[in-house]
PDB file of N, CA and C in Angstrom:
ATOM      1  N   UNK A   1     164.323 268.738 -66.064  1.00  0.00           N
ATOM      2  CA  UNK A   1     162.755 268.439 -65.473  1.00  0.00           C
ATOM      3  C   UNK A   1     162.969 268.552 -64.089  1.00  0.00           C
ATOM      4  N   UNK A   2     164.229 268.569 -63.337  1.00  0.00           N
ATOM      5  CA  UNK A   2     164.425 268.461 -61.677  1.00  0.00           C
ATOM      6  C   UNK A   2     163.955 270.192 -61.248  1.00  0.00           C
ATOM      7  N   UNK A   3     164.405 270.422 -62.088  1.00  0.00           N
ATOM      8  CA  UNK A   3     164.275 272.301 -61.976  1.00  0.00           C
ATOM      9  C   UNK A   3     162.881 272.798 -62.163  1.00  0.00           C
ATOM     10  N   UNK A   4     162.518 272.195 -63.392  1.00  0.00           N
ATOM     11  CA  UNK A   4     160.801 272.780 -63.470  1.00  0.00           C
ATOM     12  C   UNK A   4     160.061 272.190 -62.361  1.00  0.00           C
ATOM     13  N   UNK A   5     160.103 270.570 -61.286  1.00  0.00           N
ATOM     14  CA  UNK A   5     159.701 270.568 -61.225  1.00  0.00           C
ATOM     15  C   UNK A   5     159.670 271.440 -59.539  1.00  0.00           C
ATOM     16  N   UNK A   6     161.157 271.836 -59.435  1.00  0.00           N
ATOM     17  CA  UNK A   6     161.476 272.807 -58.056  1.00  0.00           C
ATOM     18  C   UNK A   6     160.557 274.165 -58.243  1.00  0.00           C
ATOM     19  N   UNK A   7     160.705 274.675 -59.698  1.00  0.00           N
ATOM     20  CA  UNK A   7     159.743 275.582 -59.969  1.00  0.00           C
ATOM     21  C   UNK A   7     158.349 275.762 -59.837  1.00  0.00           C
ATOM     22  N   UNK A   8     157.775 274.352 -59.826  1.00  0.00           N
ATOM     23  CA  UNK A   8     156.357 274.468 -59.467  1.00  0.00           C
ATOM     24  C   UNK A   8     156.346 274.261 -58.624  1.00  0.00           C
ATOM     25  N   UNK A   9     156.960 273.456 -57.484  1.00  0.00           N
ATOM     26  CA  UNK A   9     157.338 273.572 -56.226  1.00  0.00           C
ATOM     27  C   UNK A   9     156.735 274.855 -55.413  1.00  0.00           C
ATOM     28  N   UNK A  10     157.909 275.420 -55.865  1.00  0.00           N
ATOM     29  CA  UNK A  10     158.050 277.095 -54.891  1.00  0.00           C
ATOM     30  C   UNK A  10     157.212 278.054 -55.464  1.00  0.00           C
ATOM     31  N   UNK A  11     156.362 277.768 -56.541  1.00  0.00           N
ATOM     32  CA  UNK A  11     155.341 278.577 -57.183  1.00  0.00           C
ATOM     33  C   UNK A  11     154.078 278.251 -56.140  1.00  0.00           C
ATOM     34  N   UNK A  12     153.641 277.100 -55.757  1.00  0.00           N
ATOM     35  CA  UNK A  12     152.819 276.724 -55.195  1.00  0.00           C
ATOM     36  C   UNK A  12     152.926 276.837 -53.758  1.00  0.00           C
ATOM     37  N   UNK A  13     154.105 276.965 -53.180  1.00  0.00           N
ATOM     38  CA  UNK A  13     154.147 277.479 -51.757  1.00  0.00           C
ATOM     39  C   UNK A  13     154.092 278.842 -51.490  1.00  0.00           C
ATOM     40  N   UNK A  14     154.077 279.643 -52.590  1.00  0.00           N
ATOM     41  CA  UNK A  14     154.004 281.197 -53.001  1.00  0.00           C
ATOM     42  C   UNK A  14     152.411 281.592 -52.312  1.00  0.00           C
ATOM     43  N   UNK A  15     151.752 280.640 -53.155  1.00  0.00           N
ATOM     44  CA  UNK A  15     150.846 280.951 -53.825  1.00  0.00           C
ATOM     45  C   UNK A  15     149.739 280.395 -52.546  1.00  0.00           C
ATOM     46  N   UNK A  16     150.339 279.270 -51.782  1.00  0.00           N
ATOM     47  CA  UNK A  16     149.773 278.869 -50.910  1.00  0.00           C
ATOM     48  C   UNK A  16     149.706 279.349 -49.492  1.00  0.00           C
ATOM     49  N   UNK A  17     151.037 280.322 -49.796  1.00  0.00           N
ATOM     50  CA  UNK A  17     151.576 280.975 -48.304  1.00  0.00           C
ATOM     51  C   UNK A  17     149.946 281.810 -49.349  1.00  0.00           C
ATOM     52  N   UNK A  18     150.121 282.736 -49.728  1.00  0.00           N
ATOM     53  CA  UNK A  18     148.754 284.258 -50.189  1.00  0.00           C
ATOM     54  C   UNK A  18     147.422 283.597 -49.631  1.00  0.00           C
ATOM     55  N   UNK A  19     147.182 282.340 -50.117  1.00  0.00           N
ATOM     56  CA  UNK A  19     145.307 282.239 -49.997  1.00  0.00           C
ATOM     57  C   UNK A  19     145.700 281.935 -48.521  1.00  0.00           C
ATOM     58  N   UNK A  20     146.344 281.026 -47.799  1.00  0.00           N
ATOM     59  CA  UNK A  20     146.261 280.149 -46.738  1.00  0.00           C
ATOM     60  C   UNK A  20     146.938 280.244 -45.481  1.00  0.00           C
ATOM     61  N   UNK A  21     146.544 281.344 -44.993  1.00  0.00           N
ATOM     62  CA  UNK A  21     147.555 281.974 -43.820  1.00  0.00           C
ATOM     63  C   UNK A  21     147.857 280.290 -42.817  1.00  0.00           C
ATOM     64  N   UNK A  22     146.970 279.307 -42.660  1.00  0.00           N
ATOM     65  CA  UNK A  22     148.040 277.975 -41.916  1.00  0.00           C
ATOM     66  C   UNK A  22     149.591 277.830 -42.944  1.00  0.00           C
ATOM     67  N   UNK A  23     149.327 277.435 -44.030  1.00  0.00           N
ATOM     68  CA  UNK A  23     150.638 277.619 -44.851  1.00  0.00           C
ATOM     69  C   UNK A  23     151.496 278.543 -44.248  1.00  0.00           C
ATOM     70  N   UNK A  24     150.918 279.750 -44.383  1.00  0.00           N
ATOM     71  CA  UNK A  24     152.174 281.072 -44.231  1.00  0.00           C
ATOM     72  C   UNK A  24     152.730 280.604 -42.865  1.00  0.00           C
ATOM     73  N   UNK A  25     151.650 280.812 -42.284  1.00  0.00           N
ATOM     74  CA  UNK A  25     152.717 280.314 -40.845  1.00  0.00           C
ATOM     75  C   UNK A  25     153.350 279.037 -40.885  1.00  0.00           C
ATOM     76  N   UNK A  26     152.748 277.692 -41.297  1.00  0.00           N
ATOM     77  CA  UNK A  26     154.167 276.724 -41.393  1.00  0.00           C
ATOM     78  C   UNK A  26     155.572 276.855 -42.153  1.00  0.00           C
ATOM     79  N   UNK A  27     155.088 277.997 -43.594  1.00  0.00           N
ATOM     80  CA  UNK A  27     156.045 278.069 -44.195  1.00  0.00           C
ATOM     81  C   UNK A  27     157.144 278.728 -43.669  1.00  0.00           C
ATOM     82  N   UNK A  28     156.627 279.794 -43.034  1.00  0.00           N
ATOM     83  CA  UNK A  28     157.005 280.827 -41.677  1.00  0.00           C
ATOM     84  C   UNK A  28     158.480 279.727 -40.440  1.00  0.00           C
ATOM     85  N   UNK A  29     157.277 278.916 -39.948  1.00  0.00           N
ATOM     86  CA  UNK A  29     158.123 278.309 -39.200  1.00  0.00           C
ATOM     87  C   UNK A  29     159.337 277.140 -39.278  1.00  0.00           C
ATOM     88  N   UNK A  30     159.293 276.416 -40.373  1.00  0.00           N
ATOM     89  CA  UNK A  30     160.274 275.781 -41.290  1.00  0.00           C
ATOM     90  C   UNK A  30     161.119 276.671 -42.089  1.00  0.00           C
ATOM     91  N   UNK A  31     161.118 277.736 -41.973  1.00  0.00           N
ATOM     92  CA  UNK A  31     162.463 279.130 -42.732  1.00  0.00           C
ATOM     93  C   UNK A  31     163.127 279.079 -41.543  1.00  0.00           C
ATOM     94  N   UNK A  32     162.541 279.038 -39.952  1.00  0.00           N
ATOM     95  CA  UNK A  32     163.282 279.652 -39.121  1.00  0.00           C
ATOM     96  C   UNK A  32     163.874 278.569 -38.486  1.00  0.00           C
ATOM     97  N   UNK A  33     163.243 277.454 -38.455  1.00  0.00           N
ATOM     98  CA  UNK A  33     163.807 276.381 -38.117  1.00  0.00           C
ATOM     99  C   UNK A  33     165.210 275.484 -38.634  1.00  0.00           C
ATOM    100  N   UNK A  34     164.768 275.929 -40.223  1.00  0.00           N
ATOM    101  CA  UNK A  34     165.970 275.321 -41.518  1.00  0.00           C
ATOM    102  C   UNK A  34     166.957 276.798 -40.774  1.00  0.00           C
ATOM    103  N   UNK A  35     166.763 278.365 -40.516  1.00  0.00           N
ATOM    104  CA  UNK A  35     167.577 278.768 -40.495  1.00  0.00           C
ATOM    105  C   UNK A  35     168.670 278.642 -39.172  1.00  0.00           C
ATOM    106  N   UNK A  36     167.826 278.533 -38.183  1.00  0.00           N
ATOM    107  CA  UNK A  36     168.593 277.878 -36.473  1.00  0.00           C
ATOM    108  C   UNK A  36     169.284 276.713 -36.662  1.00  0.00           C
ATOM    109  N   UNK A  37     168.699 275.586 -37.125  1.00  0.00           N
ATOM    110  CA  UNK A  37     169.296 274.691 -37.597  1.00  0.00           C
ATOM    111  C   UNK A  37     170.893 274.726 -38.299  1.00  0.00           C
ATOM    112  N   UNK A  38     170.619 275.486 -39.053  1.00  0.00           N
ATOM    113  CA  UNK A  38     172.156 275.913 -39.839  1.00  0.00           C
ATOM    114  C   UNK A  38     172.962 276.711 -38.391  1.00  0.00           C
ATOM    115  N   UNK A  39     172.557 277.502 -38.457  1.00  0.00           N
ATOM    116  CA  UNK A  39     172.951 278.219 -37.626  1.00  0.00           C
ATOM    117  C   UNK A  39     173.699 276.922 -35.687  1.00  0.00           C
ATOM    118  N   UNK A  40     172.886 276.314 -35.677  1.00  0.00           N
ATOM    119  CA  UNK A  40     173.254 275.473 -34.736  1.00  0.00           C
ATOM    120  C   UNK A  40     174.634 274.702 -35.324  1.00  0.00           C
ATOM    121  N   UNK A  41     174.449 273.762 -36.591  1.00  0.00           N
ATOM    122  CA  UNK A  41     175.705 273.165 -36.858  1.00  0.00           C
ATOM    123  C   UNK A  41     176.744 274.048 -36.983  1.00  0.00           C
ATOM    124  N   UNK A  42     176.929 275.214 -37.982  1.00  0.00           N
ATOM    125  CA  UNK A  42     177.978 275.775 -37.758  1.00  0.00           C
ATOM    126  C   UNK A  42     178.683 276.054 -36.123  1.00  0.00           C
ATOM    127  N   UNK A  43     177.794 276.476 -35.452  1.00  0.00           N
ATOM    128  CA  UNK A  43     178.034 276.483 -34.172  1.00  0.00           C
ATOM    129  C   UNK A  43     179.298 275.704 -33.215  1.00  0.00           C
ATOM    130  N   UNK A  44     178.334 274.675 -33.603  1.00  0.00           N
ATOM    131  CA  UNK A  44     178.590 272.896 -32.937  1.00  0.00           C
ATOM    132  C   UNK A  44     180.118 272.997 -33.923  1.00  0.00           C
ATOM    133  N   UNK A  45     180.516 272.891 -35.052  1.00  0.00           N
ATOM    134  CA  UNK A  45     181.772 272.871 -36.101  1.00  0.00           C
ATOM    135  C   UNK A  45     182.501 273.651 -35.301  1.00  0.00           C
ATOM    136  N   UNK A  46     182.018 275.033 -35.147  1.00  0.00           N
ATOM    137  CA  UNK A  46     183.621 276.450 -34.419  1.00  0.00           C
ATOM    138  C   UNK A  46     183.429 275.409 -32.814  1.00  0.00           C
ATOM    139  N   UNK A  47     183.060 274.998 -32.652  1.00  0.00           N
ATOM    140  CA  UNK A  47     183.348 274.406 -31.337  1.00  0.00           C
ATOM    141  C   UNK A  47     184.484 273.181 -31.062  1.00  0.00           C
ATOM    142  N   UNK A  48     183.749 272.521 -32.345  1.00  0.00           N
ATOM    143  CA  UNK A  48     184.906 271.287 -32.085  1.00  0.00           C
ATOM    144  C   UNK A  48     185.770 271.051 -32.778  1.00  0.00           C
ATOM    145  N   UNK A  49     186.107 272.156 -33.326  1.00  0.00           N
ATOM    146  CA  UNK A  49     186.414 272.536 -34.028  1.00  0.00           C
ATOM    147  C   UNK A  49     188.204 273.046 -33.454  1.00  0.00           C
ATOM    148  N   UNK A  50     187.333 274.393 -32.501  1.00  0.00           N
ATOM    149  CA  UNK A  50     188.180 274.876 -31.502  1.00  0.00           C
ATOM    150  C   UNK A  50     188.830 273.792 -30.130  1.00  0.00           C
ATOM    151  N   UNK A  51     188.173 272.290 -29.863  1.00  0.00           N
ATOM    152  CA  UNK A  51     188.063 271.759 -28.904  1.00  0.00           C
ATOM    153  C   UNK A  51     189.362 271.084 -29.524  1.00  0.00           C
ATOM    154  N   UNK A  52     189.115 270.676 -30.633  1.00  0.00           N
ATOM    155  CA  UNK A  52     190.418 269.597 -31.393  1.00  0.00           C
ATOM    156  C   UNK A  52     191.648 270.989 -31.208  1.00  0.00           C
ATOM    157  N   UNK A  53     192.040 271.891 -32.016  1.00  0.00           N
ATOM    158  CA  UNK A  53     192.881 271.943 -31.902  1.00  0.00           C
ATOM    159  C   UNK A  53     193.723 272.683 -30.296  1.00  0.00           C
ATOM    160  N   UNK A  54     192.893 272.630 -28.852  1.00  0.00           N
ATOM    161  CA  UNK A  54     193.088 272.642 -28.211  1.00  0.00           C
ATOM    162  C   UNK A  54     194.183 271.088 -27.221  1.00  0.00           C
ATOM    163  N   UNK A  55     192.911 269.948 -27.944  1.00  0.00           N
ATOM    164  CA  UNK A  55     194.172 269.208 -27.861  1.00  0.00           C
ATOM    165  C   UNK A  55     194.871 268.608 -28.298  1.00  0.00           C
ATOM    166  N   UNK A  56     195.476 268.984 -29.405  1.00  0.00           N
ATOM    167  CA  UNK A  56     196.932 268.601 -30.220  1.00  0.00           C
ATOM    168  C   UNK A  56     197.656 269.348 -29.317  1.00  0.00           C
ATOM    169  N   UNK A  57     197.343 270.507 -28.831  1.00  0.00           N
ATOM    170  CA  UNK A  57     198.248 271.668 -28.292  1.00  0.00           C
ATOM    171  C   UNK A  57     198.691 271.252 -27.166  1.00  0.00           C
ATOM    172  N   UNK A  58     197.877 270.818 -26.315  1.00  0.00           N
ATOM    173  CA  UNK A  58     198.613 269.429 -25.048  1.00  0.00           C
ATOM    174  C   UNK A  58     197.579 270.320 -23.893  1.00  0.00           C
ATOM    175  N   UNK A  59     197.826 269.813 -22.736  1.00  0.00           N
ATOM    176  CA  UNK A  59     197.973 270.571 -21.518  1.00  0.00           C
ATOM    177  C   UNK A  59     199.116 271.856 -21.854  1.00  0.00           C
ATOM    178  N   UNK A  60     197.661 272.954 -20.600  1.00  0.00           N
ATOM    179  CA  UNK A  60     199.184 274.331 -21.100  1.00  0.00           C
ATOM    180  C   UNK A  60     200.005 274.029 -19.527  1.00  0.00           C
ATOM    181  N   UNK A  61     201.178 274.769 -19.325  1.00  0.00           N
ATOM    182  CA  UNK A  61     201.870 274.827 -18.310  1.00  0.00           C
ATOM    183  C   UNK A  61     200.648 275.461 -17.106  1.00  0.00           C
ATOM    184  N   UNK A  62     201.636 275.054 -15.842  1.00  0.00           N
ATOM    185  CA  UNK A  62     200.844 275.672 -14.523  1.00  0.00           C
ATOM    186  C   UNK A  62     201.679 276.735 -14.344  1.00  0.00           C
ATOM    187  N   UNK A  63     202.606 277.190 -14.694  1.00  0.00           N
ATOM    188  CA  UNK A  63     203.474 278.051 -13.978  1.00  0.00           C
ATOM    189  C   UNK A  63     202.692 279.383 -14.062  1.00  0.00           C
ATOM    190  N   UNK A  64     202.940 279.739 -13.073  1.00  0.00           N
ATOM    191  CA  UNK A  64     201.938 281.354 -12.211  1.00  0.00           C
ATOM    192  C   UNK A  64     200.426 281.058 -12.145  1.00  0.00           C
ATOM    193  N   UNK A  65     200.449 280.051 -11.619  1.00  0.00           N
ATOM    194  CA  UNK A  65     198.886 279.748 -11.618  1.00  0.00           C
ATOM    195  C   UNK A  65     198.230 280.123 -10.450  1.00  0.00           C
ATOM    196  N   UNK A  66     197.641 279.412 -10.317  1.00  0.00           N
ATOM    197  CA  UNK A  66     196.825 279.501  -8.946  1.00  0.00           C
ATOM    198  C   UNK A  66     196.796 278.055  -7.941  1.00  0.00           C
ATOM    199  N   UNK A  67     197.326 278.083  -7.406  1.00  0.00           N
ATOM    200  CA  UNK A  67     197.423 277.046  -5.807  1.00  0.00           C
ATOM    201  C   UNK A  67     195.779 276.064  -5.932  1.00  0.00           C
ATOM    202  N   UNK A  68     195.691 274.910  -6.382  1.00  0.00           N
ATOM    203  CA  UNK A  68     194.769 274.118  -5.722  1.00  0.00           C
ATOM    204  C   UNK A  68     194.411 273.860  -4.396  1.00  0.00           C
ATOM    205  N   UNK A  69     195.191 273.512  -4.065  1.00  0.00           N
ATOM    206  CA  UNK A  69     195.828 274.034  -2.624  1.00  0.00           C
ATOM    207  C   UNK A  69     194.753 275.272  -1.129  1.00  0.00           C
ATOM    208  N   UNK A  70     196.061 275.964  -1.312  1.00  0.00           N
ATOM    209  CA  UNK A  70     196.434 277.346  -0.525  1.00  0.00           C
ATOM    210  C   UNK A  70     194.867 278.353  -1.616  1.00  0.00           C
ATOM    211  N   UNK A  71     194.894 278.022  -2.833  1.00  0.00           N
ATOM    212  CA  UNK A  71     194.164 278.969  -3.182  1.00  0.00           C
ATOM    213  C   UNK A  71     194.713 280.087  -3.326  1.00  0.00           C
ATOM    214  N   UNK A  72     196.235 280.208  -3.538  1.00  0.00           N
ATOM    215  CA  UNK A  72     197.753 281.348  -3.270  1.00  0.00           C
ATOM    216  C   UNK A  72     197.237 281.753  -4.862  1.00  0.00           C
ATOM    217  N   UNK A  73     197.036 283.352  -5.678  1.00  0.00           N
ATOM    218  CA  UNK A  73     197.525 283.434  -6.691  1.00  0.00           C
ATOM    219  C   UNK A  73     198.818 282.879  -7.791  1.00  0.00           C
ATOM    220  N   UNK A  74     199.007 283.233  -8.809  1.00  0.00           N
ATOM    221  CA  UNK A  74     200.759 282.746  -8.973  1.00  0.00           C
ATOM    222  C   UNK A  74     201.512 282.471  -8.166  1.00  0.00           C
ATOM    223  N   UNK A  75     201.474 281.193  -7.644  1.00  0.00           N
ATOM    224  CA  UNK A  75     202.263 280.584  -7.024  1.00  0.00           C
ATOM    225  C   UNK A  75     202.976 279.414  -7.037  1.00  0.00           C
ATOM    226  N   UNK A  76     202.570 278.553  -8.056  1.00  0.00           N
ATOM    227  CA  UNK A  76     202.467 277.609  -8.898  1.00  0.00           C
ATOM    228  C   UNK A  76     204.186 277.935  -9.460  1.00  0.00           C
ATOM    229  N   UNK A  77     205.273 277.367  -9.608  1.00  0.00           N
ATOM    230  CA  UNK A  77     206.621 277.074 -10.126  1.00  0.00           C
ATOM    231  C   UNK A  77     207.221 276.006 -10.149  1.00  0.00           C
ATOM    232  N   UNK A  78     207.343 276.006 -12.088  1.00  0.00           N
ATOM    233  CA  UNK A  78     208.071 273.697 -12.150  1.00  0.00           C
ATOM    234  C   UNK A  78     209.105 274.313 -11.473  1.00  0.00           C
ATOM    235  N   UNK A  79     209.746 272.975 -10.779  1.00  0.00           N
ATOM    236  CA  UNK A  79     211.051 271.854  -9.963  1.00  0.00           C
ATOM    237  C   UNK A  79     211.074 271.831 -10.966  1.00  0.00           C
ATOM    238  N   UNK A  80     211.359 270.578 -12.053  1.00  0.00           N
ATOM    239  CA  UNK A  80     211.575 269.742 -12.707  1.00  0.00           C
ATOM    240  C   UNK A  80     210.873 269.640 -13.670  1.00  0.00           C
ATOM    241  N   UNK A  81     211.685 268.901 -14.699  1.00  0.00           N
ATOM    242  CA  UNK A  81     210.816 268.440 -16.018  1.00  0.00           C
ATOM    243  C   UNK A  81     211.606 267.388 -16.201  1.00  0.00           C
ATOM    244  N   UNK A  82     211.427 266.450 -16.869  1.00  0.00           N
ATOM    245  CA  UNK A  82     211.870 265.357 -16.814  1.00  0.00           C
ATOM    246  C   UNK A  82     211.432 264.769 -18.859  1.00  0.00           C
ATOM    247  N   UNK A  83     212.425 264.269 -19.709  1.00  0.00           N
ATOM    248  CA  UNK A  83     212.205 264.137 -20.830  1.00  0.00           C
ATOM    249  C   UNK A  83     211.580 262.979 -20.783  1.00  0.00           C
ATOM    250  N   UNK A  84     210.285 262.195 -21.703  1.00  0.00           N
ATOM    251  CA  UNK A  84     209.948 260.832 -21.687  1.00  0.00           C
ATOM    252  C   UNK A  84     210.224 260.603 -23.410  1.00  0.00           C
ATOM    253  N   UNK A  85     210.767 258.962 -22.509  1.00  0.00           N
ATOM    254  CA  UNK A  85     211.203 258.552 -23.379  1.00  0.00           C
ATOM    255  C   UNK A  85     209.758 257.474 -24.180  1.00  0.00           C
ATOM    256  N   UNK A  86     209.192 257.367 -25.908  1.00  0.00           N
ATOM    257  CA  UNK A  86     208.355 256.748 -25.220  1.00  0.00           C
ATOM    258  C   UNK A  86     207.686 256.614 -26.968  1.00  0.00           C
ATOM    259  N   UNK A  87     206.527 257.091 -27.580  1.00  0.00           N
ATOM    260  CA  UNK A  87     206.453 257.107 -29.263  1.00  0.00           C
ATOM    261  C   UNK A  87     207.370 257.997 -29.913  1.00  0.00           C
ATOM    262  N   UNK A  88     207.453 257.053 -30.768  1.00  0.00           N
ATOM    263  CA  UNK A  88     208.569 258.003 -31.875  1.00  0.00           C
ATOM    264  C   UNK A  88     207.989 258.015 -33.162  1.00  0.00           C
ATOM    265  N   UNK A  89     206.566 257.657 -32.916  1.00  0.00           N
ATOM    266  CA  UNK A  89     205.411 258.431 -34.229  1.00  0.00           C
ATOM    267  C   UNK A  89     205.260 260.046 -33.972  1.00  0.00           C
ATOM    268  N   UNK A  90     205.261 260.213 -33.250  1.00  0.00           N
ATOM    269  CA  UNK A  90     205.079 261.602 -33.079  1.00  0.00           C
ATOM    270  C   UNK A  90     205.257 262.724 -32.938  1.00  0.00           C
ATOM    271  N   UNK A  91     205.467 263.689 -33.544  1.00  0.00           N
ATOM    272  CA  UNK A  91     205.914 264.819 -34.414  1.00  0.00           C
ATOM    273  C   UNK A  91     206.130 265.772 -32.521  1.00  0.00           C
ATOM    274  N   UNK A  92     206.141 265.483 -30.972  1.00  0.00           N
ATOM    275  CA  UNK A  92     206.244 266.407 -30.342  1.00  0.00           C
ATOM    276  C   UNK A  92     207.064 265.756 -29.128  1.00  0.00           C
ATOM    277  N   UNK A  93     207.676 266.482 -28.426  1.00  0.00           N
ATOM    278  CA  UNK A  93     208.723 265.261 -27.075  1.00  0.00           C
ATOM    279  C   UNK A  93     207.434 265.782 -26.533  1.00  0.00           C
ATOM    280  N   UNK A  94     207.444 264.539 -24.965  1.00  0.00           N
ATOM    281  CA  UNK A  94     206.079 264.587 -23.936  1.00  0.00           C
ATOM    282  C   UNK A  94     207.156 264.659 -22.474  1.00  0.00           C
ATOM    283  N   UNK A  95     207.309 265.595 -22.233  1.00  0.00           N
ATOM    284  CA  UNK A  95     207.753 266.056 -20.611  1.00  0.00           C
ATOM    285  C   UNK A  95     206.834 265.288 -19.359  1.00  0.00           C
ATOM    286  N   UNK A  96     207.215 264.921 -18.509  1.00  0.00           N
ATOM    287  CA  UNK A  96     207.146 264.551 -17.160  1.00  0.00           C
ATOM    288  C   UNK A  96     207.325 265.718 -15.933  1.00  0.00           C
ATOM    289  N   UNK A  97     206.803 266.826 -15.899  1.00  0.00           N
ATOM    290  CA  UNK A  97     207.323 267.921 -15.374  1.00  0.00           C
ATOM    291  C   UNK A  97     205.818 268.167 -14.107  1.00  0.00           C
ATOM    292  N   UNK A  98     206.600 268.689 -13.194  1.00  0.00           N
ATOM    293  CA  UNK A  98     206.285 268.809 -11.265  1.00  0.00           C
ATOM    294  C   UNK A  98     206.262 270.244 -11.118  1.00  0.00           C
ATOM    295  N   UNK A  99     205.513 270.171 -10.208  1.00  0.00           N
ATOM    296  CA  UNK A  99     205.168 272.307 -10.466  1.00  0.00           C
ATOM    297  C   UNK A  99     205.163 271.869  -8.840  1.00  0.00           C
ATOM    298  N   UNK A 100     205.545 273.567  -8.278  1.00  0.00           N
ATOM    299  CA  UNK A 100     205.377 273.390  -6.686  1.00  0.00           C
ATOM    300  C   UNK A 100     204.950 274.929  -6.559  1.00  0.00           C
ATOM    301  N   UNK A 101     203.933 274.317  -5.031  1.00  0.00           N
ATOM    302  CA  UNK A 101     203.009 275.795  -4.846  1.00  0.00           C
ATOM    303  C   UNK A 101     205.028 276.079  -3.896  1.00  0.00           C
ATOM    304  N   UNK A 102     204.680 277.562  -3.912  1.00  0.00           N
ATOM    305  CA  UNK A 102     206.067 278.472  -3.385  1.00  0.00           C
ATOM    306  C   UNK A 102     205.864 278.967  -2.053  1.00  0.00           C
ATOM    307  N   UNK A 103     203.780 278.552  -1.584  1.00  0.00           N
ATOM    308  CA  UNK A 103     203.094 279.265  -0.763  1.00  0.00           C
ATOM    309  C   UNK A 103     203.139 278.125   0.581  1.00  0.00           C
ATOM    310  N   UNK A 104     203.071 277.182  -0.005  1.00  0.00           N
ATOM    311  CA  UNK A 104     202.463 275.720   0.831  1.00  0.00           C
ATOM    312  C   UNK A 104     203.173 274.642   0.864  1.00  0.00           C
ATOM    313  N   UNK A 105     203.518 274.597  -0.285  1.00  0.00           N
ATOM    314  CA  UNK A 105     204.545 273.224  -0.711  1.00  0.00           C
ATOM    315  C   UNK A 105     203.878 272.337  -1.137  1.00  0.00           C
ATOM    316  N   UNK A 106     202.929 272.482  -2.242  1.00  0.00           N
ATOM    317  CA  UNK A 106     201.735 271.405  -2.548  1.00  0.00           C
ATOM    318  C   UNK A 106     202.575 271.492  -3.794  1.00  0.00           C
ATOM    319  N   UNK A 107     201.927 269.648  -3.905  1.00  0.00           N
ATOM    320  CA  UNK A 107     203.163 269.475  -5.293  1.00  0.00           C
ATOM    321  C   UNK A 107     202.733 268.696  -6.472  1.00  0.00           C
ATOM    322  N   UNK A 108     202.672 269.067  -8.363  1.00  0.00           N
ATOM    323  CA  UNK A 108     201.950 268.656  -9.282  1.00  0.00           C
ATOM    324  C   UNK A 108     202.718 268.429  -9.612  1.00  0.00           C
ATOM    325  N   UNK A 109     201.797 267.072 -10.470  1.00  0.00           N
ATOM    326  CA  UNK A 109     202.317 266.671 -11.667  1.00  0.00           C
ATOM    327  C   UNK A 109     201.385 266.637 -12.829  1.00  0.00           C
ATOM    328  N   UNK A 110     202.038 266.637 -14.330  1.00  0.00           N
ATOM    329  CA  UNK A 110     201.879 267.184 -15.602  1.00  0.00           C
ATOM    330  C   UNK A 110     202.271 265.843 -16.393  1.00  0.00           C
ATOM    331  N   UNK A 111     201.649 265.613 -17.502  1.00  0.00           N
ATOM    332  CA  UNK A 111     202.700 265.882 -18.938  1.00  0.00           C
ATOM    333  C   UNK A 111     202.567 266.861 -19.661  1.00  0.00           C
ATOM    334  N   UNK A 112     203.294 267.026 -20.340  1.00  0.00           N
ATOM    335  CA  UNK A 112     202.803 267.463 -21.497  1.00  0.00           C
ATOM    336  C   UNK A 112     204.040 267.829 -22.649  1.00  0.00           C
ATOM    337  N   UNK A 113     203.440 268.345 -23.785  1.00  0.00           N
ATOM    338  CA  UNK A 113     204.271 267.566 -25.110  1.00  0.00           C
ATOM    339  C   UNK A 113     204.436 269.380 -25.747  1.00  0.00           C
ATOM    340  N   UNK A 114     205.630 269.300 -26.204  1.00  0.00           N
ATOM    341  CA  UNK A 114     206.655 269.988 -26.800  1.00  0.00           C
ATOM    342  C   UNK A 114     206.641 270.183 -28.304  1.00  0.00           C
ATOM    343  N   UNK A 115     205.731 271.196 -29.058  1.00  0.00           N
ATOM    344  CA  UNK A 115     206.361 270.602 -30.536  1.00  0.00           C
ATOM    345  C   UNK A 115     207.463 271.309 -30.512  1.00  0.00           C
ATOM    346  N   UNK A 116     208.711 270.272 -31.365  1.00  0.00           N
ATOM    347  CA  UNK A 116     210.104 271.159 -31.785  1.00  0.00           C
ATOM    348  C   UNK A 116     209.639 272.138 -32.451  1.00  0.00           C
ATOM    349  N   UNK A 117     211.008 273.235 -32.735  1.00  0.00           N
ATOM    350  CA  UNK A 117     210.894 274.271 -33.516  1.00  0.00           C
ATOM    351  C   UNK A 117     211.716 273.863 -34.710  1.00  0.00           C
ATOM    352  N   UNK A 118     211.134 274.256 -35.767  1.00  0.00           N
ATOM    353  CA  UNK A 118     211.992 273.702 -36.798  1.00  0.00           C
ATOM    354  C   UNK A 118     212.207 275.124 -37.795  1.00  0.00           C
TER     355      UNK A 118
END
């Protein structure tokens, strides 16, 4: 019964689109809106998946990056790495890493996590 109702509805829209231009333009607008909405949802899903994967990976190492203070390229070097005893429920190790600029001596620190190699 539902299949018959859908077929009759589609035929009605098709014939109304042929005879009445306002129905045709409305149908085009609805089809474009549905396609654009689907593309927008797919794009949002891909972006959220990429952000989630980046969040799971954690902060990246700052070694070899630009210093925030003097803006010198490839000046940041790792000075010390300290293992943090913490939550044992996770499958990665936490480290407190201190970085220092070789040009101006500016220090930065961040917490990183490293997945153990299997």
